[in-house]
């Protein structure tokens, strides 16, 4: 099974995109900030939420988790900091992290990288876990714990406010109204500016939104995971809540870069434990990569670009946050925003991928139990 798409594209991109890739690392200077705003206009913007709860962000964000957590290797710190700052140069204004990533180390990395341009970007983090001895140890969204985590996150992120704070997973032991009420108080205190949920079900979204209007829901959504279309995306549209797909490339599968021979470091990668990333499942699901390539090749697009462009085409208030540790992949992902499906293309492609039966669940065990609550 050959790896398709990215390698040929990246070889060409090394020549065609030299000026963009080689743009200077952002500094705290006024000229650097002006360049960031110009780049943001080039990438385009979208709005999450409505009214005074809305956020204007770049049409694609950057998920930073994989720079510290769950993606086998950890790049050198200076490499990741450079990548995040180059993302700002390229127009990205929307950055995602969480206390759980590392744990803690990813927030510190992101905070250091974005400190010179803090006022020009939207910084998101999450709470919701007990963390003991450097390990996640169950859920905790008790109001005092939320407050403690926010203070700790502010220190690691080197900032005095968080633009968007999510509850990472719904805690069944704490009424969502209490969680939303705590977020409302934190907004009034100026520690956070907007509130969101992650992997919440429709009923929970409605209950939280009635107490503190939500700006965004962050849940897994991609061509491999389309369950949000059945309910929560409809609720978000009804209530004016933005939607932020995490793992929009299905943990790199939709890039065409993984195959049944891919090796993972199980001590820092959750994919070996997930059914969808077992060799037999990858082989069975490869028809999705073939379909992406069939559509993308005549249009000069990689599988990853087609997958991201398809998400962008679903709703104007959907903002994917693909992660990467490589500058060339960052550029590739951002270029997906340049492609717009025609109505006929979108209908035909969606019909084709809808016929594909996905093999393997996205989560099992505790991880599955913590979703759709």
Protein backbone atom coordinates (compact mmCIF):
# COMPACT_ATOMS: atom_id res chain seq x y z
CA UNK A 1 0.00 0.00 0.00
CA UNK A 2 1.88 3.16 -1.10
CA UNK A 3 1.83 6.40 0.81
CA UNK A 4 -0.05 8.79 -1.45
CA UNK A 5 -0.34 12.52 -1.87
CA UNK A 6 1.84 14.31 0.62
CA UNK A 7 5.31 13.35 -0.48
CA UNK A 8 4.92 14.41 -4.09
CA UNK A 9 3.14 17.59 -3.06
CA UNK A 10 5.76 18.49 -0.48
CA UNK A 11 8.59 17.98 -2.95
CA UNK A 12 6.96 20.45 -5.31
CA UNK A 13 6.00 22.73 -2.43
CA UNK A 14 9.62 23.03 -1.38
CA UNK A 15 10.16 24.95 -4.61
CA UNK A 16 6.82 26.65 -5.17
CA UNK A 17 6.33 27.77 -1.58
CA UNK A 18 9.84 28.91 -0.71
CA UNK A 19 8.91 32.52 0.00
CA UNK A 20 6.04 31.52 2.26
CA UNK A 21 7.90 28.80 4.14
CA UNK A 22 10.90 31.05 4.58
CA UNK A 23 8.94 33.98 6.02
CA UNK A 24 10.63 35.44 9.09
CA UNK A 25 9.74 34.24 12.56
CA UNK A 26 7.29 36.67 14.12
CA UNK A 27 8.69 39.11 16.61
CA UNK A 28 7.10 41.46 19.08
CA UNK A 29 7.83 44.44 16.85
CA UNK A 30 5.01 46.56 15.42
CA UNK A 31 6.00 45.54 11.90
CA UNK A 32 5.71 41.85 12.85
CA UNK A 33 2.23 42.38 14.24
CA UNK A 34 1.19 44.22 11.09
CA UNK A 35 2.48 41.33 8.99
CA UNK A 36 0.38 38.95 11.08
CA UNK A 37 -2.76 40.92 10.37
CA UNK A 38 -2.00 40.99 6.63
CA UNK A 39 -1.40 37.24 6.63
CA UNK A 40 -4.66 36.70 8.50
CA UNK A 41 -6.54 38.51 5.76
CA UNK A 42 -4.89 36.21 3.20
CA UNK A 43 -5.95 33.04 5.03
CA UNK A 44 -9.47 34.31 5.70
CA UNK A 45 -11.56 34.43 8.84
CA UNK A 46 -14.62 32.74 10.29
CA UNK A 47 -16.87 33.51 13.24
CA UNK A 48 -17.52 31.17 16.16
CA UNK A 49 -20.58 31.99 18.25
CA UNK A 50 -22.94 34.94 18.01
CA UNK A 51 -23.51 38.35 19.55
CA UNK A 52 -21.15 39.34 22.33
CA UNK A 53 -20.06 35.70 22.60
CA UNK A 54 -18.62 35.56 19.09
CA UNK A 55 -14.95 35.12 18.20
CA UNK A 56 -13.34 36.00 14.88
CA UNK A 57 -10.62 33.49 14.05
CA UNK A 58 -8.64 32.28 11.05
CA UNK A 59 -10.52 29.80 8.87
CA UNK A 60 -8.19 27.05 10.09
CA UNK A 61 -6.56 26.87 13.48
CA UNK A 62 -3.57 24.95 14.79
CA UNK A 63 -4.01 22.06 17.21
CA UNK A 64 -0.80 22.00 19.24
CA UNK A 65 -1.25 18.77 21.22
CA UNK A 66 0.99 16.63 19.02
CA UNK A 67 4.00 18.83 19.70
CA UNK A 68 4.08 17.42 23.25
CA UNK A 69 1.69 14.50 23.56
CA UNK A 70 0.24 11.36 21.96
CA UNK A 71 2.05 11.51 18.63
CA UNK A 72 5.00 9.16 19.24
CA UNK A 73 7.90 11.59 19.09
CA UNK A 74 8.32 15.03 20.62
CA UNK A 75 10.14 17.59 18.44
CA UNK A 76 12.84 19.80 19.86
CA UNK A 77 11.26 22.71 21.73
CA UNK A 78 12.84 25.33 19.48
CA UNK A 79 11.41 23.57 16.42
CA UNK A 80 7.87 23.65 17.79
CA UNK A 81 8.16 27.27 18.90
CA UNK A 82 9.36 28.20 15.42
CA UNK A 83 6.48 26.28 13.84
CA UNK A 84 3.86 28.04 15.98
CA UNK A 85 5.34 31.44 15.18
CA UNK A 86 5.50 30.61 11.48
CA UNK A 87 1.82 29.68 11.70
CA UNK A 88 1.12 33.23 12.87
CA UNK A 89 3.14 34.55 9.94
CA UNK A 90 0.97 32.44 7.64
CA UNK A 91 -2.25 33.92 9.02
CA UNK A 92 -3.27 31.47 11.76
CA UNK A 93 -4.82 33.28 14.72
CA UNK A 94 -6.50 30.31 16.45
CA UNK A 95 -4.37 28.06 18.69
CA UNK A 96 -5.54 25.10 20.75
CA UNK A 97 -3.97 23.43 23.78
CA UNK A 98 -5.04 21.89 27.11
CA UNK A 99 -3.71 21.20 30.59
CA UNK A 100 -4.07 17.49 29.80
CA UNK A 101 -1.57 17.62 26.95
CA UNK A 102 1.73 16.53 28.42
CA UNK A 103 0.21 16.96 30.94
CA UNK A 104 0.92 20.68 31.34
CA UNK A 105 3.96 20.85 29.05
CA UNK A 106 2.00 21.78 25.93
CA UNK A 107 0.48 24.85 27.57
CA UNK A 108 3.96 26.02 28.54
CA UNK A 109 5.22 25.52 25.00
CA UNK A 110 2.30 27.36 23.41
CA UNK A 111 2.47 30.17 25.94
CA UNK A 112 6.15 30.77 25.27
CA UNK A 113 5.69 30.65 21.49
CA UNK A 114 2.78 33.10 21.43
CA UNK A 115 3.88 35.51 24.14
CA UNK A 116 5.37 38.03 21.66
CA UNK A 117 2.06 38.26 19.75
CA UNK A 118 -0.42 37.44 22.49
CA UNK A 119 -2.80 40.29 21.66
CA UNK A 120 -3.01 39.24 18.00
CA UNK A 121 -4.12 35.63 18.52
CA UNK A 122 -6.97 33.63 20.02
CA UNK A 123 -5.69 31.22 22.65
CA UNK A 124 -7.80 28.22 23.72
CA UNK A 125 -7.26 25.71 26.49
CA UNK A 126 -9.29 23.16 28.45
CA UNK A 127 -9.97 21.86 31.95
CA UNK A 128 -11.74 18.78 33.24
CA UNK A 129 -9.30 16.12 34.43
CA UNK A 130 -7.65 15.17 37.67
CA UNK A 131 -3.92 15.03 37.06
CA UNK A 132 -1.88 13.00 39.55
CA UNK A 133 1.82 12.15 39.29
CA UNK A 134 1.88 13.32 35.70
CA UNK A 135 -1.03 11.11 34.63
CA UNK A 136 -4.70 11.72 33.88
CA UNK A 137 -6.71 10.26 36.77
CA UNK A 138 -10.39 10.64 35.97
CA UNK A 139 -12.63 13.62 35.42
CA UNK A 140 -13.01 16.65 37.69
CA UNK A 141 -15.14 19.67 36.84
CA UNK A 142 -15.95 20.76 40.37
CA UNK A 143 -16.06 24.57 40.49
CA UNK A 144 -13.07 24.99 42.90
CA UNK A 145 -11.02 22.69 40.67
CA UNK A 146 -11.96 24.67 37.56
CA UNK A 147 -10.78 27.86 39.23
CA UNK A 148 -7.50 26.30 40.32
CA UNK A 149 -6.83 24.92 36.84
CA UNK A 150 -7.57 28.26 35.19
CA UNK A 151 -5.07 30.03 37.44
CA UNK A 152 -2.44 27.40 36.69
CA UNK A 153 -3.14 27.55 32.94
CA UNK A 154 -2.84 31.34 32.94
CA UNK A 155 0.62 31.04 34.50
CA UNK A 156 1.80 28.37 32.03
CA UNK A 157 0.37 30.27 29.07
CA UNK A 158 2.08 33.50 30.21
CA UNK A 159 -1.11 35.50 29.87
CA UNK A 160 -3.73 37.19 32.05
CA UNK A 161 -6.75 35.94 30.10
CA UNK A 162 -7.86 32.90 28.11
CA UNK A 163 -9.82 33.66 24.96
CA UNK A 164 -11.78 30.41 24.88
CA UNK A 165 -11.95 27.91 27.74
CA UNK A 166 -13.47 24.50 27.06
CA UNK A 167 -14.63 21.79 29.41
CA UNK A 168 -12.49 18.96 28.00
CA UNK A 169 -14.95 16.18 28.86
CA UNK A 170 -18.34 16.36 30.55
CA UNK A 171 -18.14 15.26 34.19
CA UNK A 172 -21.26 13.23 35.07
CA UNK A 173 -20.72 13.96 38.77
CA UNK A 174 -21.03 17.73 38.40
CA UNK A 175 -24.18 19.37 37.00
CA UNK A 176 -23.34 21.14 33.76
CA UNK A 177 -25.21 24.17 35.06
CA UNK A 178 -22.62 24.49 37.85
CA UNK A 179 -19.79 24.23 35.33
CA UNK A 180 -21.34 26.86 33.05
CA UNK A 181 -22.04 29.08 36.06
CA UNK A 182 -18.39 28.93 37.08
CA UNK A 183 -17.37 29.86 33.54
CA UNK A 184 -19.80 32.78 33.65
CA UNK A 185 -18.17 34.02 36.86
CA UNK A 186 -14.69 33.65 35.36
CA UNK A 187 -15.79 35.71 32.36
CA UNK A 188 -17.07 38.43 34.70
CA UNK A 189 -13.71 38.39 36.47
CA UNK A 190 -11.82 38.77 33.20
CA UNK A 191 -9.88 35.52 33.48
CA UNK A 192 -11.60 33.99 30.47
CA UNK A 193 -13.50 35.63 27.64
CA UNK A 194 -15.54 32.81 26.12
CA UNK A 195 -16.72 29.34 27.08
CA UNK A 196 -17.12 26.09 25.17
CA UNK A 197 -17.64 22.35 25.58
CA UNK A 198 -15.97 19.31 24.06
CA UNK A 199 -17.60 15.98 23.14
CA UNK A 200 -20.88 17.04 24.78
CA UNK A 201 -24.26 15.76 23.63
CA UNK A 202 -27.19 17.88 22.50
CA UNK A 203 -28.94 17.91 25.87
CA UNK A 204 -25.80 19.01 27.71
CA UNK A 205 -25.15 21.74 25.16
CA UNK A 206 -28.64 23.15 25.67
CA UNK A 207 -28.35 23.10 29.48
CA UNK A 208 -24.95 24.82 29.50
CA UNK A 209 -25.94 27.38 26.86
CA UNK A 210 -28.96 28.43 28.96
CA UNK A 211 -26.61 29.45 31.80
CA UNK A 212 -23.62 30.79 29.83
CA UNK A 213 -23.95 31.10 26.04
CA UNK A 214 -21.39 28.89 24.36
CA UNK A 215 -19.01 30.19 21.73
CA UNK A 216 -17.95 26.80 20.38
CA UNK A 217 -18.25 23.05 20.67
CA UNK A 218 -15.04 21.12 20.01
CA UNK A 219 -15.56 17.49 19.04
CA UNK A 220 -14.01 14.97 16.70
CA UNK A 221 -15.32 15.41 13.16
CA UNK A 222 -13.82 14.28 9.88
CA UNK A 223 -14.61 12.14 6.87
CA UNK A 224 -13.89 9.17 9.15
CA UNK A 225 -16.07 10.40 12.04
CA UNK A 226 -19.32 11.97 10.91
CA UNK A 227 -21.58 11.31 13.90
CA UNK A 228 -21.79 15.05 14.81
CA UNK A 229 -23.88 15.55 11.68
CA UNK A 230 -26.67 13.54 13.31
CA UNK A 231 -27.34 15.90 16.20
CA UNK A 232 -24.82 18.31 17.71
CA UNK A 233 -24.07 20.25 14.53
CA UNK A 234 -27.80 20.83 14.13
CA UNK A 235 -28.03 22.08 17.72
CA UNK A 236 -25.02 24.36 17.20
CA UNK A 237 -26.69 25.85 14.13
CA UNK A 238 -29.95 26.38 16.02
CA UNK A 239 -28.27 28.07 18.99
CA UNK A 240 -25.60 30.02 17.09
CA UNK A 241 -22.64 28.04 18.47
CA UNK A 242 -19.48 27.53 16.43
CA UNK A 243 -18.06 24.07 15.79
CA UNK A 244 -14.37 23.21 16.03
CA UNK A 245 -13.44 19.76 14.65
CA UNK A 246 -10.47 18.18 16.36
CA UNK A 247 -8.62 15.37 14.58
CA UNK A 248 -9.98 16.66 11.25
CA UNK A 249 -7.46 14.41 9.48
CA UNK A 250 -8.33 11.45 11.71
CA UNK A 251 -4.99 11.44 13.56
CA UNK A 252 -3.06 11.66 10.26
CA UNK A 253 -4.85 8.79 8.51
CA UNK A 254 -6.53 11.11 5.99
CA UNK A 255 -3.14 12.50 4.97
CA UNK A 256 -2.37 9.16 3.33
CA UNK A 257 0.82 9.14 5.37
CA UNK A 258 -0.09 6.24 7.66
CA UNK A 259 -0.32 2.64 6.51
CA UNK A 260 -0.54 -0.83 8.05
CA UNK A 261 3.23 -0.86 8.59
CA UNK A 262 3.40 2.43 10.50
CA UNK A 263 5.24 2.11 13.82
CA UNK A 264 4.12 4.04 16.91
CA UNK A 265 5.72 4.76 20.25
CA UNK A 266 3.01 3.33 22.50
CA UNK A 267 4.33 5.23 25.52
CA UNK A 268 3.42 8.54 23.83
CA UNK A 269 0.75 7.70 21.27
CA UNK A 270 -2.87 6.71 21.75
CA UNK A 271 -3.32 5.31 18.25
CA UNK A 272 -2.00 1.78 19.00
CA UNK A 273 -4.87 1.38 21.48
CA UNK A 274 -7.57 2.58 19.07
CA UNK A 275 -9.36 0.03 16.83
CA UNK A 276 -9.33 2.30 13.80
CA UNK A 277 -5.52 2.34 13.67
CA UNK A 278 -4.93 -1.39 13.76
CA UNK A 279 -3.29 -2.74 10.56
CA UNK A 280 -6.38 -4.58 9.34
CA UNK A 281 -8.59 -1.52 9.85
CA UNK A 282 -6.13 0.78 8.08
CA UNK A 283 -6.02 -1.60 5.15
CA UNK A 284 -9.82 -1.86 5.04
CA UNK A 285 -10.26 1.92 5.26
CA UNK A 286 -7.70 2.70 2.54
CA UNK A 287 -10.56 3.09 0.07
CA UNK A 288 -11.06 6.52 1.66
CA UNK A 289 -7.53 7.55 0.69
CA UNK A 290 -8.13 6.25 -2.83
CA UNK A 291 -11.32 8.31 -3.04
CA UNK A 292 -9.58 11.45 -1.77
CA UNK A 293 -6.75 10.94 -4.26
CA UNK A 294 -9.13 10.34 -7.14
CA UNK A 295 -10.81 13.67 -6.45
CA UNK A 296 -7.66 15.57 -5.52
CA UNK A 297 -5.16 14.47 -8.16
CA UNK A 298 -6.74 16.20 -11.18
CA UNK A 299 -7.23 19.34 -9.08
CA UNK A 300 -3.70 19.45 -7.71
CA UNK A 301 -4.80 18.64 -4.16
CA UNK A 302 -3.46 16.16 -1.63
CA UNK A 303 -5.77 13.86 0.34
CA UNK A 304 -5.33 16.05 3.42
CA UNK A 305 -6.31 19.18 1.52
CA UNK A 306 -9.45 17.57 0.11
CA UNK A 307 -10.44 16.32 3.58
CA UNK A 308 -9.99 19.76 5.16
CA UNK A 309 -11.68 21.61 2.28
CA UNK A 310 -14.66 19.26 2.64
CA UNK A 311 -15.00 20.19 6.32
CA UNK A 312 -14.78 23.89 5.52
CA UNK A 313 -17.55 23.43 2.95
CA UNK A 314 -20.01 21.99 5.49
CA UNK A 315 -20.81 25.19 7.40
CA UNK A 316 -19.28 28.70 7.45
CA UNK A 317 -18.93 28.49 11.25
CA UNK A 318 -16.86 25.30 11.26
CA UNK A 319 -13.15 25.86 11.99
CA UNK A 320 -10.93 22.74 11.87
CA UNK A 321 -7.76 22.63 13.97
CA UNK A 322 -5.39 20.16 12.27
CA UNK A 323 -2.18 19.54 14.16
CA UNK A 324 1.28 19.00 12.77
CA UNK A 325 4.92 19.05 13.84
CA UNK A 326 6.27 19.92 10.38
CA UNK A 327 6.30 23.25 8.61
CA UNK A 328 5.67 21.78 5.17
CA UNK A 329 2.55 19.97 6.41
CA UNK A 330 1.35 23.21 8.04
CA UNK A 331 1.61 24.99 4.72
CA UNK A 332 -0.15 22.13 2.96
CA UNK A 333 -3.03 22.20 5.44
CA UNK A 334 -3.50 25.96 5.20
CA UNK A 335 -3.61 25.84 1.42
CA UNK A 336 -6.77 23.75 1.72
CA UNK A 337 -8.62 26.99 2.47
CA UNK A 338 -7.90 28.15 -1.09
CA UNK A 339 -10.04 25.43 -2.63
CA UNK A 340 -13.81 25.78 -2.89
CA UNK A 341 -16.01 22.93 -4.03
CA UNK A 342 -18.64 23.70 -6.63
CA UNK A 343 -22.11 22.54 -5.60
CA UNK A 344 -21.84 19.66 -8.05
CA UNK A 345 -18.38 18.65 -6.83
CA UNK A 346 -19.46 18.73 -3.21
CA UNK A 347 -22.56 16.67 -3.87
CA UNK A 348 -20.71 14.06 -5.91
CA UNK A 349 -17.77 13.75 -3.53
CA UNK A 350 -19.99 13.53 -0.46
CA UNK A 351 -22.06 10.81 -2.09
CA UNK A 352 -18.90 8.85 -2.89
CA UNK A 353 -17.44 9.01 0.63
CA UNK A 354 -20.82 8.32 2.22
CA UNK A 355 -20.82 4.89 0.59
CA UNK A 356 -17.61 3.90 2.37
CA UNK A 357 -18.08 1.74 5.46
CA UNK A 358 -15.58 2.81 8.11
CA UNK A 359 -13.93 -0.08 9.94
CA UNK A 360 -12.95 0.32 13.60
CA UNK A 361 -14.32 2.51 16.38
CA UNK A 362 -12.62 5.82 17.10
CA UNK A 363 -12.48 5.16 20.85
CA UNK A 364 -13.10 2.22 23.20
CA UNK A 365 -13.36 1.76 26.94
CA UNK A 366 -13.09 4.81 29.18
CA UNK A 367 -12.29 7.12 26.28
CA UNK A 368 -15.52 6.13 24.54
CA UNK A 369 -17.52 6.48 27.75
CA UNK A 370 -16.30 10.08 28.17
CA UNK A 371 -17.81 11.20 24.84
CA UNK A 372 -21.37 12.18 23.89
CA UNK A 373 -22.38 13.02 27.46
